[in-house]
């Protein structure tokens, strides 16, 4: 193996470069992994644009939706060997990494966090574990198990990757789900899971007068026991509050920066606003890495299907173009393959 590798760096907003850097040397407690798959997350796009609270200027950036193969391990590492497929590697917009994905997950690399071996999954499947864990956290923080005597009802505003995964998880749990999404191909994917979908762009004044998609959901579907705001706009937060039952929860996951808190609307309905952390339930302390991987493998029940969410695959060099021309409307998940020519 040569001594250098290609890696993306994000030195300043709206700038990404592909550079040649030394392959990191694993310390006694480290794992060196070859990056096979790394999904572009919305947070990575926010970091590239300069609007996200996470800063990641080093080689490999914040690439965290990763599936990797172990190349070497430090002499103090146990239970991991070369050739293992692993989850939870970070700085993965690079050909190799020793970083562990703990940023924003309530942990610190000083705790000695290690990657998780999952040879029962492909690297592509493993790369979805972070998004699945975030969706699981959203689902659990909604506390829909307190609904008895009928099926819980949930509304999802925004069917990006995590919104689509969340819709599938809720449907698998027997929750009745409605969703709002302006783009048809995303609505089609959600509808396959039994989700009742709405196109907010159809509700024009010429066609519907003052009626909005919120009115249509309330009339057709009814008030929700939980609403998931996955977009990050002030208006969708107001829509979410209008859709939720009095005293119940709106879960805000789409916001990447400052967002208005509509105090009056929340107070009049007694609505709870919950901002779930990424992979860790900050209320219970539960870490969703293993549950997410188990769900992807179908270990304890039906296997969560995610491969149909992949829109395209790109090399590191092509990933620079993908960041510059990121198509939020048309794309769902772009997989970067750093070791592909």
C-alpha atoms as a PDB file:
ATOM      1  CA  UNK A   1       0.000   0.000   0.000  1.00  0.00           C
ATOM      2  CA  UNK A   2       1.335   3.456  -0.877  1.00  0.00           C
ATOM      3  CA  UNK A   3       1.968   6.087   1.795  1.00  0.00           C
ATOM      4  CA  UNK A   4      -0.436   8.768   0.566  1.00  0.00           C
ATOM      5  CA  UNK A   5      -4.146   8.969  -0.174  1.00  0.00           C
ATOM      6  CA  UNK A   6      -6.711  11.260  -1.719  1.00  0.00           C
ATOM      7  CA  UNK A   7      -9.010  13.193   0.589  1.00  0.00           C
ATOM      8  CA  UNK A   8     -11.479  16.063   0.364  1.00  0.00           C
ATOM      9  CA  UNK A   9     -10.980  19.131   2.515  1.00  0.00           C
ATOM     10  CA  UNK A  10     -13.459  21.939   3.172  1.00  0.00           C
ATOM     11  CA  UNK A  11     -11.213  24.916   4.020  1.00  0.00           C
ATOM     12  CA  UNK A  12     -13.911  27.610   3.881  1.00  0.00           C
ATOM     13  CA  UNK A  13     -17.598  27.979   2.915  1.00  0.00           C
ATOM     14  CA  UNK A  14     -18.390  27.021  -0.662  1.00  0.00           C
ATOM     15  CA  UNK A  15     -14.948  25.558  -1.222  1.00  0.00           C
ATOM     16  CA  UNK A  16     -13.925  21.893  -1.469  1.00  0.00           C
ATOM     17  CA  UNK A  17     -10.605  20.527  -2.697  1.00  0.00           C
ATOM     18  CA  UNK A  18      -9.236  17.057  -3.400  1.00  0.00           C
ATOM     19  CA  UNK A  19      -5.737  16.817  -1.921  1.00  0.00           C
ATOM     20  CA  UNK A  20      -3.021  14.189  -1.488  1.00  0.00           C
ATOM     21  CA  UNK A  21      -2.188  13.598   2.176  1.00  0.00           C
ATOM     22  CA  UNK A  22      -0.351  10.915   4.162  1.00  0.00           C
ATOM     23  CA  UNK A  23      -2.346   7.814   5.050  1.00  0.00           C
ATOM     24  CA  UNK A  24      -2.912   8.043   8.813  1.00  0.00           C
ATOM     25  CA  UNK A  25      -0.867   5.713  10.988  1.00  0.00           C
ATOM     26  CA  UNK A  26      -3.002   3.759  13.469  1.00  0.00           C
ATOM     27  CA  UNK A  27      -1.948   4.110  17.082  1.00  0.00           C
ATOM     28  CA  UNK A  28      -2.122   1.230  19.566  1.00  0.00           C
ATOM     29  CA  UNK A  29      -5.831   1.843  20.193  1.00  0.00           C
ATOM     30  CA  UNK A  30      -6.777   2.754  16.598  1.00  0.00           C
ATOM     31  CA  UNK A  31      -8.244   1.043  13.570  1.00  0.00           C
ATOM     32  CA  UNK A  32      -7.136   1.967  10.058  1.00  0.00           C
ATOM     33  CA  UNK A  33      -9.991   1.424   7.608  1.00  0.00           C
ATOM     34  CA  UNK A  34     -10.378   1.670   3.849  1.00  0.00           C
ATOM     35  CA  UNK A  35     -13.461   3.748   3.006  1.00  0.00           C
ATOM     36  CA  UNK A  36     -15.744   1.849   0.629  1.00  0.00           C
ATOM     37  CA  UNK A  37     -18.943   3.925   0.834  1.00  0.00           C
ATOM     38  CA  UNK A  38     -19.721   7.332   2.309  1.00  0.00           C
ATOM     39  CA  UNK A  39     -23.128   8.943   1.889  1.00  0.00           C
ATOM     40  CA  UNK A  40     -23.430  12.700   1.498  1.00  0.00           C
ATOM     41  CA  UNK A  41     -25.483  13.897   4.459  1.00  0.00           C
ATOM     42  CA  UNK A  42     -27.468  17.118   4.560  1.00  0.00           C
ATOM     43  CA  UNK A  43     -25.235  18.261   7.409  1.00  0.00           C
ATOM     44  CA  UNK A  44     -22.203  17.883   5.122  1.00  0.00           C
ATOM     45  CA  UNK A  45     -23.873  20.123   2.562  1.00  0.00           C
ATOM     46  CA  UNK A  46     -24.603  22.641   5.327  1.00  0.00           C
ATOM     47  CA  UNK A  47     -20.953  22.548   6.395  1.00  0.00           C
ATOM     48  CA  UNK A  48     -19.857  23.093   2.779  1.00  0.00           C
ATOM     49  CA  UNK A  49     -22.206  26.080   2.505  1.00  0.00           C
ATOM     50  CA  UNK A  50     -21.044  27.496   5.849  1.00  0.00           C
ATOM     51  CA  UNK A  51     -24.448  27.445   7.544  1.00  0.00           C
ATOM     52  CA  UNK A  52     -24.004  24.457   9.853  1.00  0.00           C
ATOM     53  CA  UNK A  53     -22.836  24.591  13.465  1.00  0.00           C
ATOM     54  CA  UNK A  54     -20.329  21.750  12.900  1.00  0.00           C
ATOM     55  CA  UNK A  55     -16.889  22.766  11.621  1.00  0.00           C
ATOM     56  CA  UNK A  56     -14.762  20.127   9.879  1.00  0.00           C
ATOM     57  CA  UNK A  57     -11.719  21.467   8.054  1.00  0.00           C
ATOM     58  CA  UNK A  58      -9.427  18.421   8.248  1.00  0.00           C
ATOM     59  CA  UNK A  59      -8.866  15.770   5.560  1.00  0.00           C
ATOM     60  CA  UNK A  60     -12.009  13.706   5.063  1.00  0.00           C
ATOM     61  CA  UNK A  61     -14.253  16.477   6.379  1.00  0.00           C
ATOM     62  CA  UNK A  62     -17.333  15.415   8.330  1.00  0.00           C
ATOM     63  CA  UNK A  63     -17.911  12.346   6.151  1.00  0.00           C
ATOM     64  CA  UNK A  64     -19.713  10.124   8.640  1.00  0.00           C
ATOM     65  CA  UNK A  65     -22.302   8.009   6.774  1.00  0.00           C
ATOM     66  CA  UNK A  66     -19.645   5.412   6.144  1.00  0.00           C
ATOM     67  CA  UNK A  67     -19.139   1.747   5.410  1.00  0.00           C
ATOM     68  CA  UNK A  68     -15.508   0.665   5.647  1.00  0.00           C
ATOM     69  CA  UNK A  69     -13.173  -2.327   5.575  1.00  0.00           C
ATOM     70  CA  UNK A  70     -10.446  -2.732   8.198  1.00  0.00           C
ATOM     71  CA  UNK A  71      -6.882  -2.626   6.885  1.00  0.00           C
ATOM     72  CA  UNK A  72      -4.863  -2.653  10.124  1.00  0.00           C
ATOM     73  CA  UNK A  73      -5.441  -2.467  13.875  1.00  0.00           C
ATOM     74  CA  UNK A  74      -3.329  -1.239  16.762  1.00  0.00           C
ATOM     75  CA  UNK A  75      -1.817  -3.794  19.098  1.00  0.00           C
ATOM     76  CA  UNK A  76      -4.201  -2.804  21.916  1.00  0.00           C
ATOM     77  CA  UNK A  77      -7.352  -3.310  19.811  1.00  0.00           C
ATOM     78  CA  UNK A  78      -9.349  -6.480  20.449  1.00  0.00           C
ATOM     79  CA  UNK A  79     -12.281  -7.985  18.557  1.00  0.00           C
ATOM     80  CA  UNK A  80     -11.495  -6.254  15.241  1.00  0.00           C
ATOM     81  CA  UNK A  81      -9.281  -7.687  12.494  1.00  0.00           C
ATOM     82  CA  UNK A  82      -8.221  -6.799   8.951  1.00  0.00           C
ATOM     83  CA  UNK A  83     -10.970  -7.564   6.453  1.00  0.00           C
ATOM     84  CA  UNK A  84     -13.835  -6.816   8.862  1.00  0.00           C
ATOM     85  CA  UNK A  85     -16.589  -4.516   7.619  1.00  0.00           C
ATOM     86  CA  UNK A  86     -17.171  -1.751  10.144  1.00  0.00           C
ATOM     87  CA  UNK A  87     -19.580   1.049  10.983  1.00  0.00           C
ATOM     88  CA  UNK A  88     -18.989   4.325  12.845  1.00  0.00           C
ATOM     89  CA  UNK A  89     -15.864   5.539  11.067  1.00  0.00           C
ATOM     90  CA  UNK A  90     -15.524   9.296  10.538  1.00  0.00           C
ATOM     91  CA  UNK A  91     -13.642  11.754   8.285  1.00  0.00           C
ATOM     92  CA  UNK A  92     -14.605   9.470   5.403  1.00  0.00           C
ATOM     93  CA  UNK A  93     -14.385  11.764   2.394  1.00  0.00           C
ATOM     94  CA  UNK A  94     -10.987  10.118   2.076  1.00  0.00           C
ATOM     95  CA  UNK A  95      -9.576   6.800   0.936  1.00  0.00           C
ATOM     96  CA  UNK A  96      -8.524   5.768   4.457  1.00  0.00           C
ATOM     97  CA  UNK A  97      -9.313   6.888   7.991  1.00  0.00           C
ATOM     98  CA  UNK A  98      -8.583   6.194  11.641  1.00  0.00           C
ATOM     99  CA  UNK A  99     -11.231   8.621  12.874  1.00  0.00           C
ATOM    100  CA  UNK A 100     -14.308   7.357  14.721  1.00  0.00           C
ATOM    101  CA  UNK A 101     -17.665   9.017  14.069  1.00  0.00           C
ATOM    102  CA  UNK A 102     -18.502  10.565  17.415  1.00  0.00           C
ATOM    103  CA  UNK A 103     -19.040  14.224  16.476  1.00  0.00           C
ATOM    104  CA  UNK A 104     -22.394  15.456  17.783  1.00  0.00           C
ATOM    105  CA  UNK A 105     -23.261  12.097  19.306  1.00  0.00           C
ATOM    106  CA  UNK A 106     -22.728  12.950  22.957  1.00  0.00           C
ATOM    107  CA  UNK A 107     -19.308  11.292  23.004  1.00  0.00           C
ATOM    108  CA  UNK A 108     -15.692  12.270  22.605  1.00  0.00           C
ATOM    109  CA  UNK A 109     -12.975  10.350  20.825  1.00  0.00           C
ATOM    110  CA  UNK A 110     -10.963  10.452  24.048  1.00  0.00           C
ATOM    111  CA  UNK A 111     -13.403   7.879  25.447  1.00  0.00           C
ATOM    112  CA  UNK A 112     -11.765   5.291  23.217  1.00  0.00           C
ATOM    113  CA  UNK A 113     -14.777   4.700  20.996  1.00  0.00           C
ATOM    114  CA  UNK A 114     -14.142   2.013  18.393  1.00  0.00           C
ATOM    115  CA  UNK A 115     -15.863   1.142  15.113  1.00  0.00           C
ATOM    116  CA  UNK A 116     -18.536  -1.561  15.167  1.00  0.00           C
ATOM    117  CA  UNK A 117     -17.940  -4.808  13.263  1.00  0.00           C
ATOM    118  CA  UNK A 118     -20.891  -5.871  11.076  1.00  0.00           C
ATOM    119  CA  UNK A 119     -19.834  -8.531   8.605  1.00  0.00           C
ATOM    120  CA  UNK A 120     -23.516  -9.426   8.131  1.00  0.00           C
ATOM    121  CA  UNK A 121     -24.027  -6.201   6.155  1.00  0.00           C
ATOM    122  CA  UNK A 122     -22.538  -4.740   2.989  1.00  0.00           C
ATOM    123  CA  UNK A 123     -20.592  -1.498   3.225  1.00  0.00           C
ATOM    124  CA  UNK A 124     -23.408   0.262   1.362  1.00  0.00           C
ATOM    125  CA  UNK A 125     -25.914  -0.923   3.965  1.00  0.00           C
ATOM    126  CA  UNK A 126     -23.591   0.031   6.817  1.00  0.00           C
ATOM    127  CA  UNK A 127     -23.302   3.551   5.389  1.00  0.00           C
ATOM    128  CA  UNK A 128     -27.006   4.074   6.119  1.00  0.00           C
ATOM    129  CA  UNK A 129     -26.651   3.250   9.825  1.00  0.00           C
ATOM    130  CA  UNK A 130     -26.152   6.867  10.880  1.00  0.00           C
ATOM    131  CA  UNK A 131     -29.316   8.045   9.092  1.00  0.00           C
ATOM    132  CA  UNK A 132     -31.294   5.064  10.403  1.00  0.00           C
ATOM    133  CA  UNK A 133     -30.104   5.779  13.935  1.00  0.00           C
ATOM    134  CA  UNK A 134     -31.219   9.407  13.632  1.00  0.00           C
ATOM    135  CA  UNK A 135     -34.637   8.251  12.402  1.00  0.00           C
ATOM    136  CA  UNK A 136     -34.912   5.764  15.275  1.00  0.00           C
ATOM    137  CA  UNK A 137     -34.086   8.534  17.737  1.00  0.00           C
ATOM    138  CA  UNK A 138     -36.812  10.739  16.248  1.00  0.00           C
ATOM    139  CA  UNK A 139     -39.318   7.883  16.455  1.00  0.00           C
ATOM    140  CA  UNK A 140     -38.459   7.100  20.076  1.00  0.00           C
ATOM    141  CA  UNK A 141     -38.512  10.737  21.207  1.00  0.00           C
ATOM    142  CA  UNK A 142     -42.069  11.022  19.862  1.00  0.00           C
ATOM    143  CA  UNK A 143     -43.126   8.530  22.573  1.00  0.00           C
ATOM    144  CA  UNK A 144     -45.985   7.215  20.465  1.00  0.00           C
ATOM    145  CA  UNK A 145     -46.236   4.155  22.706  1.00  0.00           C
ATOM    146  CA  UNK A 146     -48.320   6.252  25.095  1.00  0.00           C
ATOM    147  CA  UNK A 147     -51.201   6.054  22.590  1.00  0.00           C
ATOM    148  CA  UNK A 148     -53.504   3.166  23.546  1.00  0.00           C
ATOM    149  CA  UNK A 149     -56.716   1.771  22.096  1.00  0.00           C
ATOM    150  CA  UNK A 150     -55.957   2.811  18.505  1.00  0.00           C
ATOM    151  CA  UNK A 151     -53.096   3.176  16.055  1.00  0.00           C
ATOM    152  CA  UNK A 152     -50.903   6.237  16.660  1.00  0.00           C
ATOM    153  CA  UNK A 153     -50.902   8.905  13.933  1.00  0.00           C
ATOM    154  CA  UNK A 154     -47.828  10.802  12.777  1.00  0.00           C
ATOM    155  CA  UNK A 155     -47.144  13.438  10.139  1.00  0.00           C
ATOM    156  CA  UNK A 156     -43.747  13.958   8.505  1.00  0.00           C
ATOM    157  CA  UNK A 157     -42.990  17.275   6.835  1.00  0.00           C
ATOM    158  CA  UNK A 158     -40.161  16.686   4.360  1.00  0.00           C
ATOM    159  CA  UNK A 159     -39.160  13.360   2.815  1.00  0.00           C
ATOM    160  CA  UNK A 160     -35.412  13.641   2.553  1.00  0.00           C
ATOM    161  CA  UNK A 161     -33.373  10.513   3.363  1.00  0.00           C
ATOM    162  CA  UNK A 162     -34.066  10.583   7.105  1.00  0.00           C
ATOM    163  CA  UNK A 163     -37.716  11.527   6.541  1.00  0.00           C
ATOM    164  CA  UNK A 164     -38.171   8.579   4.168  1.00  0.00           C
ATOM    165  CA  UNK A 165     -36.400   6.192   6.547  1.00  0.00           C
ATOM    166  CA  UNK A 166     -38.479   7.492   9.446  1.00  0.00           C
ATOM    167  CA  UNK A 167     -41.676   6.922   7.440  1.00  0.00           C
ATOM    168  CA  UNK A 168     -40.669   3.302   6.842  1.00  0.00           C
ATOM    169  CA  UNK A 169     -39.783   2.694  10.486  1.00  0.00           C
ATOM    170  CA  UNK A 170     -43.074   4.168  11.711  1.00  0.00           C
ATOM    171  CA  UNK A 171     -45.045   2.143   9.159  1.00  0.00           C
ATOM    172  CA  UNK A 172     -43.236  -1.035  10.265  1.00  0.00           C
ATOM    173  CA  UNK A 173     -44.356  -0.240  13.818  1.00  0.00           C
ATOM    174  CA  UNK A 174     -48.005   0.038  12.804  1.00  0.00           C
ATOM    175  CA  UNK A 175     -48.191   3.830  12.982  1.00  0.00           C
ATOM    176  CA  UNK A 176     -50.533   5.592  10.546  1.00  0.00           C
ATOM    177  CA  UNK A 177     -48.363   8.072   8.657  1.00  0.00           C
ATOM    178  CA  UNK A 178     -49.077  11.075   6.461  1.00  0.00           C
ATOM    179  CA  UNK A 179     -46.353  13.140   4.821  1.00  0.00           C
ATOM    180  CA  UNK A 180     -45.911  16.374   2.912  1.00  0.00           C
ATOM    181  CA  UNK A 181     -43.293  16.541   0.162  1.00  0.00           C
ATOM    182  CA  UNK A 182     -43.210  18.695  -2.988  1.00  0.00           C
ATOM    183  CA  UNK A 183     -41.242  16.249  -5.162  1.00  0.00           C
ATOM    184  CA  UNK A 184     -43.089  13.358  -6.777  1.00  0.00           C
ATOM    185  CA  UNK A 185     -40.362  10.665  -6.732  1.00  0.00           C
ATOM    186  CA  UNK A 186     -40.012  11.028  -2.957  1.00  0.00           C
ATOM    187  CA  UNK A 187     -43.765  10.833  -2.459  1.00  0.00           C
ATOM    188  CA  UNK A 188     -43.830   7.657  -4.567  1.00  0.00           C
ATOM    189  CA  UNK A 189     -41.216   5.999  -2.333  1.00  0.00           C
ATOM    190  CA  UNK A 190     -43.163   6.921   0.813  1.00  0.00           C
ATOM    191  CA  UNK A 191     -46.469   5.767  -0.648  1.00  0.00           C
ATOM    192  CA  UNK A 192     -44.996   2.289  -1.206  1.00  0.00           C
ATOM    193  CA  UNK A 193     -44.767   1.990   2.583  1.00  0.00           C
ATOM    194  CA  UNK A 194     -48.436   2.877   2.996  1.00  0.00           C
ATOM    195  CA  UNK A 195     -47.833   6.558   3.768  1.00  0.00           C
ATOM    196  CA  UNK A 196     -50.607   8.976   2.783  1.00  0.00           C
ATOM    197  CA  UNK A 197     -48.760  11.652   0.827  1.00  0.00           C
ATOM    198  CA  UNK A 198     -49.580  15.275   0.053  1.00  0.00           C
ATOM    199  CA  UNK A 199     -48.017  17.724  -2.374  1.00  0.00           C
ATOM    200  CA  UNK A 200     -48.010  21.172  -0.732  1.00  0.00           C
ATOM    201  CA  UNK A 201     -47.404  22.847  -4.093  1.00  0.00           C
ATOM    202  CA  UNK A 202     -50.792  21.689  -5.389  1.00  0.00           C
ATOM    203  CA  UNK A 203     -52.613  23.967  -2.972  1.00  0.00           C
ATOM    204  CA  UNK A 204     -52.595  27.165  -4.985  1.00  0.00           C
ATOM    205  CA  UNK A 205     -55.081  29.984  -4.528  1.00  0.00           C
ATOM    206  CA  UNK A 206     -56.426  29.442  -8.042  1.00  0.00           C
ATOM    207  CA  UNK A 207     -57.187  25.799  -7.324  1.00  0.00           C
ATOM    208  CA  UNK A 208     -57.990  25.692  -3.600  1.00  0.00           C
ATOM    209  CA  UNK A 209     -58.600  29.251  -2.482  1.00  0.00           C
ATOM    210  CA  UNK A 210     -57.409  29.664   1.118  1.00  0.00           C
ATOM    211  CA  UNK A 211     -57.204  25.920   1.752  1.00  0.00           C
ATOM    212  CA  UNK A 212     -53.659  24.627   2.348  1.00  0.00           C
ATOM    213  CA  UNK A 213     -52.155  21.155   2.569  1.00  0.00           C
ATOM    214  CA  UNK A 214     -52.401  21.548   6.357  1.00  0.00           C
ATOM    215  CA  UNK A 215     -56.172  21.909   6.048  1.00  0.00           C
ATOM    216  CA  UNK A 216     -56.285  18.860   3.773  1.00  0.00           C
ATOM    217  CA  UNK A 217     -54.299  16.698   6.186  1.00  0.00           C
ATOM    218  CA  UNK A 218     -56.437  17.763   9.136  1.00  0.00           C
ATOM    219  CA  UNK A 219     -59.609  16.988   7.186  1.00  0.00           C
ATOM    220  CA  UNK A 220     -58.478  13.673   5.614  1.00  0.00           C
ATOM    221  CA  UNK A 221     -56.080  12.312   8.214  1.00  0.00           C
ATOM    222  CA  UNK A 222     -56.834  14.200  11.407  1.00  0.00           C
ATOM    223  CA  UNK A 223     -54.585  15.809  14.039  1.00  0.00           C
ATOM    224  CA  UNK A 224     -51.363  13.878  14.629  1.00  0.00           C
ATOM    225  CA  UNK A 225     -50.002  12.458  17.857  1.00  0.00           C
ATOM    226  CA  UNK A 226     -46.555  13.565  16.666  1.00  0.00           C
ATOM    227  CA  UNK A 227     -45.335  15.758  13.830  1.00  0.00           C
ATOM    228  CA  UNK A 228     -41.769  15.547  12.530  1.00  0.00           C
ATOM    229  CA  UNK A 229     -40.439  18.792  11.053  1.00  0.00           C
ATOM    230  CA  UNK A 230     -37.627  17.603   8.768  1.00  0.00           C
ATOM    231  CA  UNK A 231     -37.207  20.726   6.614  1.00  0.00           C
ATOM    232  CA  UNK A 232     -35.844  23.431   8.907  1.00  0.00           C
ATOM    233  CA  UNK A 233     -38.005  26.360   7.790  1.00  0.00           C
ATOM    234  CA  UNK A 234     -40.000  28.637  10.050  1.00  0.00           C
ATOM    235  CA  UNK A 235     -43.169  28.083   8.026  1.00  0.00           C
ATOM    236  CA  UNK A 236     -42.958  24.297   8.242  1.00  0.00           C
ATOM    237  CA  UNK A 237     -42.533  24.589  12.001  1.00  0.00           C
ATOM    238  CA  UNK A 238     -45.758  26.620  12.138  1.00  0.00           C
ATOM    239  CA  UNK A 239     -47.425  24.003   9.915  1.00  0.00           C
ATOM    240  CA  UNK A 240     -46.245  21.263  12.276  1.00  0.00           C
ATOM    241  CA  UNK A 241     -47.729  23.032  15.294  1.00  0.00           C
ATOM    242  CA  UNK A 242     -51.032  23.407  13.450  1.00  0.00           C
ATOM    243  CA  UNK A 243     -51.075  19.675  12.669  1.00  0.00           C
ATOM    244  CA  UNK A 244     -50.282  18.240  16.088  1.00  0.00           C
ATOM    245  CA  UNK A 245     -52.810  17.442  18.797  1.00  0.00           C
ATOM    246  CA  UNK A 246     -52.917  19.855  21.759  1.00  0.00           C
ATOM    247  CA  UNK A 247     -50.392  18.842  24.382  1.00  0.00           C
ATOM    248  CA  UNK A 248     -48.421  16.568  22.052  1.00  0.00           C
ATOM    249  CA  UNK A 249     -45.012  16.813  20.407  1.00  0.00           C
ATOM    250  CA  UNK A 250     -43.428  18.429  17.385  1.00  0.00           C
ATOM    251  CA  UNK A 251     -40.001  16.952  16.741  1.00  0.00           C
ATOM    252  CA  UNK A 252     -37.674  19.370  14.974  1.00  0.00           C
ATOM    253  CA  UNK A 253     -34.861  17.645  13.104  1.00  0.00           C
ATOM    254  CA  UNK A 254     -34.450  19.703   9.941  1.00  0.00           C
ATOM    255  CA  UNK A 255     -33.030  22.896  11.454  1.00  0.00           C
ATOM    256  CA  UNK A 256     -29.300  23.475  10.943  1.00  0.00           C
ATOM    257  CA  UNK A 257     -29.139  27.007  12.279  1.00  0.00           C
ATOM    258  CA  UNK A 258     -31.277  29.572  14.098  1.00  0.00           C
ATOM    259  CA  UNK A 259     -35.007  28.974  13.814  1.00  0.00           C
ATOM    260  CA  UNK A 260     -37.889  31.032  15.175  1.00  0.00           C
ATOM    261  CA  UNK A 261     -39.654  29.607  18.234  1.00  0.00           C
ATOM    262  CA  UNK A 262     -43.377  30.391  17.749  1.00  0.00           C
ATOM    263  CA  UNK A 263     -44.160  30.924  21.417  1.00  0.00           C
ATOM    264  CA  UNK A 264     -47.788  32.004  21.007  1.00  0.00           C
ATOM    265  CA  UNK A 265     -48.767  29.068  18.804  1.00  0.00           C
ATOM    266  CA  UNK A 266     -47.043  26.572  21.108  1.00  0.00           C
ATOM    267  CA  UNK A 267     -48.486  28.098  24.274  1.00  0.00           C
ATOM    268  CA  UNK A 268     -52.072  28.191  23.019  1.00  0.00           C
ATOM    269  CA  UNK A 269     -51.972  24.445  22.234  1.00  0.00           C
ATOM    270  CA  UNK A 270     -49.559  23.357  24.959  1.00  0.00           C
ATOM    271  CA  UNK A 271     -47.307  21.878  22.288  1.00  0.00           C
ATOM    272  CA  UNK A 272     -43.935  20.410  23.222  1.00  0.00           C
ATOM    273  CA  UNK A 273     -41.032  21.170  20.870  1.00  0.00           C
ATOM    274  CA  UNK A 274     -38.384  18.426  20.971  1.00  0.00           C
ATOM    275  CA  UNK A 275     -35.009  18.676  19.241  1.00  0.00           C
ATOM    276  CA  UNK A 276     -33.627  15.118  19.020  1.00  0.00           C
ATOM    277  CA  UNK A 277     -29.877  14.658  19.094  1.00  0.00           C
ATOM    278  CA  UNK A 278     -28.386  12.600  16.274  1.00  0.00           C
ATOM    279  CA  UNK A 279     -27.604   8.998  17.288  1.00  0.00           C
ATOM    280  CA  UNK A 280     -28.094   9.293  21.040  1.00  0.00           C
ATOM    281  CA  UNK A 281     -31.384   9.727  22.897  1.00  0.00           C
ATOM    282  CA  UNK A 282     -30.362  12.499  25.281  1.00  0.00           C
ATOM    283  CA  UNK A 283     -33.400  11.771  27.472  1.00  0.00           C
ATOM    284  CA  UNK A 284     -32.777   8.051  28.028  1.00  0.00           C
ATOM    285  CA  UNK A 285     -29.088   7.878  27.131  1.00  0.00           C
ATOM    286  CA  UNK A 286     -29.732   5.138  24.552  1.00  0.00           C
ATOM    287  CA  UNK A 287     -27.186   4.854  21.711  1.00  0.00           C
ATOM    288  CA  UNK A 288     -28.896   3.772  18.464  1.00  0.00           C
ATOM    289  CA  UNK A 289     -25.879   2.448  16.550  1.00  0.00           C
ATOM    290  CA  UNK A 290     -26.540  -1.222  17.239  1.00  0.00           C
ATOM    291  CA  UNK A 291     -30.347  -0.998  16.897  1.00  0.00           C
ATOM    292  CA  UNK A 292     -29.886   0.771  13.547  1.00  0.00           C
ATOM    293  CA  UNK A 293     -27.484  -1.869  12.259  1.00  0.00           C
ATOM    294  CA  UNK A 294     -29.740  -4.662  13.508  1.00  0.00           C
ATOM    295  CA  UNK A 295     -32.703  -3.102  11.705  1.00  0.00           C
ATOM    296  CA  UNK A 296     -30.707  -2.893   8.474  1.00  0.00           C
ATOM    297  CA  UNK A 297     -29.787  -6.562   8.856  1.00  0.00           C
ATOM    298  CA  UNK A 298     -33.307  -7.683   9.797  1.00  0.00           C
ATOM    299  CA  UNK A 299     -31.835  -9.277  12.902  1.00  0.00           C
ATOM    300  CA  UNK A 300     -34.926  -9.078  15.101  1.00  0.00           C
ATOM    301  CA  UNK A 301     -37.676  -8.755  12.493  1.00  0.00           C
ATOM    302  CA  UNK A 302     -38.255  -7.424   8.981  1.00  0.00           C
ATOM    303  CA  UNK A 303     -35.222  -5.943   7.243  1.00  0.00           C
ATOM    304  CA  UNK A 304     -35.368  -2.194   6.682  1.00  0.00           C
ATOM    305  CA  UNK A 305     -35.005  -1.533   2.958  1.00  0.00           C
ATOM    306  CA  UNK A 306     -32.784   1.430   2.054  1.00  0.00           C
ATOM    307  CA  UNK A 307     -30.914   0.604  -1.136  1.00  0.00           C
ATOM    308  CA  UNK A 308     -33.642   2.145  -3.308  1.00  0.00           C
ATOM    309  CA  UNK A 309     -32.781   5.519  -1.734  1.00  0.00           C
ATOM    310  CA  UNK A 310     -29.419   5.671  -3.543  1.00  0.00           C
ATOM    311  CA  UNK A 311     -29.648   8.164  -6.395  1.00  0.00           C
ATOM    312  CA  UNK A 312     -26.068   7.951  -7.691  1.00  0.00           C
ATOM    313  CA  UNK A 313     -22.511   6.884  -6.909  1.00  0.00           C
ATOM    314  CA  UNK A 314     -19.518   9.185  -7.412  1.00  0.00           C
ATOM    315  CA  UNK A 315     -15.740   9.226  -6.996  1.00  0.00           C
ATOM    316  CA  UNK A 316     -13.968  11.699  -4.716  1.00  0.00           C
ATOM    317  CA  UNK A 317     -13.272  13.954  -7.673  1.00  0.00           C
ATOM    318  CA  UNK A 318     -16.903  13.790  -8.785  1.00  0.00           C
ATOM    319  CA  UNK A 319     -18.009  14.510  -5.226  1.00  0.00           C
ATOM    320  CA  UNK A 320     -16.557  18.023  -5.508  1.00  0.00           C
ATOM    321  CA  UNK A 321     -18.979  18.690  -8.360  1.00  0.00           C
ATOM    322  CA  UNK A 322     -21.791  17.107  -6.345  1.00  0.00           C
ATOM    323  CA  UNK A 323     -21.237  19.519  -3.457  1.00  0.00           C
ATOM    324  CA  UNK A 324     -21.067  22.541  -5.750  1.00  0.00           C
ATOM    325  CA  UNK A 325     -24.209  21.569  -7.674  1.00  0.00           C
ATOM    326  CA  UNK A 326     -26.060  19.731  -4.896  1.00  0.00           C
ATOM    327  CA  UNK A 327     -29.585  18.942  -6.067  1.00  0.00           C
ATOM    328  CA  UNK A 328     -31.717  18.863  -2.907  1.00  0.00           C
ATOM    329  CA  UNK A 329     -34.860  18.470  -4.972  1.00  0.00           C
ATOM    330  CA  UNK A 330     -33.863  15.608  -7.251  1.00  0.00           C
ATOM    331  CA  UNK A 331     -31.354  13.617  -5.218  1.00  0.00           C
ATOM    332  CA  UNK A 332     -32.032  11.417  -2.221  1.00  0.00           C
ATOM    333  CA  UNK A 333     -28.728   9.768  -1.328  1.00  0.00           C
ATOM    334  CA  UNK A 334     -25.412  10.164  -3.131  1.00  0.00           C
ATOM    335  CA  UNK A 335     -22.800   7.552  -2.251  1.00  0.00           C
ATOM    336  CA  UNK A 336     -19.154   8.612  -2.516  1.00  0.00           C
ATOM    337  CA  UNK A 337     -16.761   5.755  -3.294  1.00  0.00           C
ATOM    338  CA  UNK A 338     -13.306   7.183  -2.449  1.00  0.00           C
ATOM    339  CA  UNK A 339     -11.337   4.186  -3.719  1.00  0.00           C
ATOM    340  CA  UNK A 340     -13.094   3.940  -7.075  1.00  0.00           C
ATOM    341  CA  UNK A 341     -11.196   5.367 -10.062  1.00  0.00           C
END
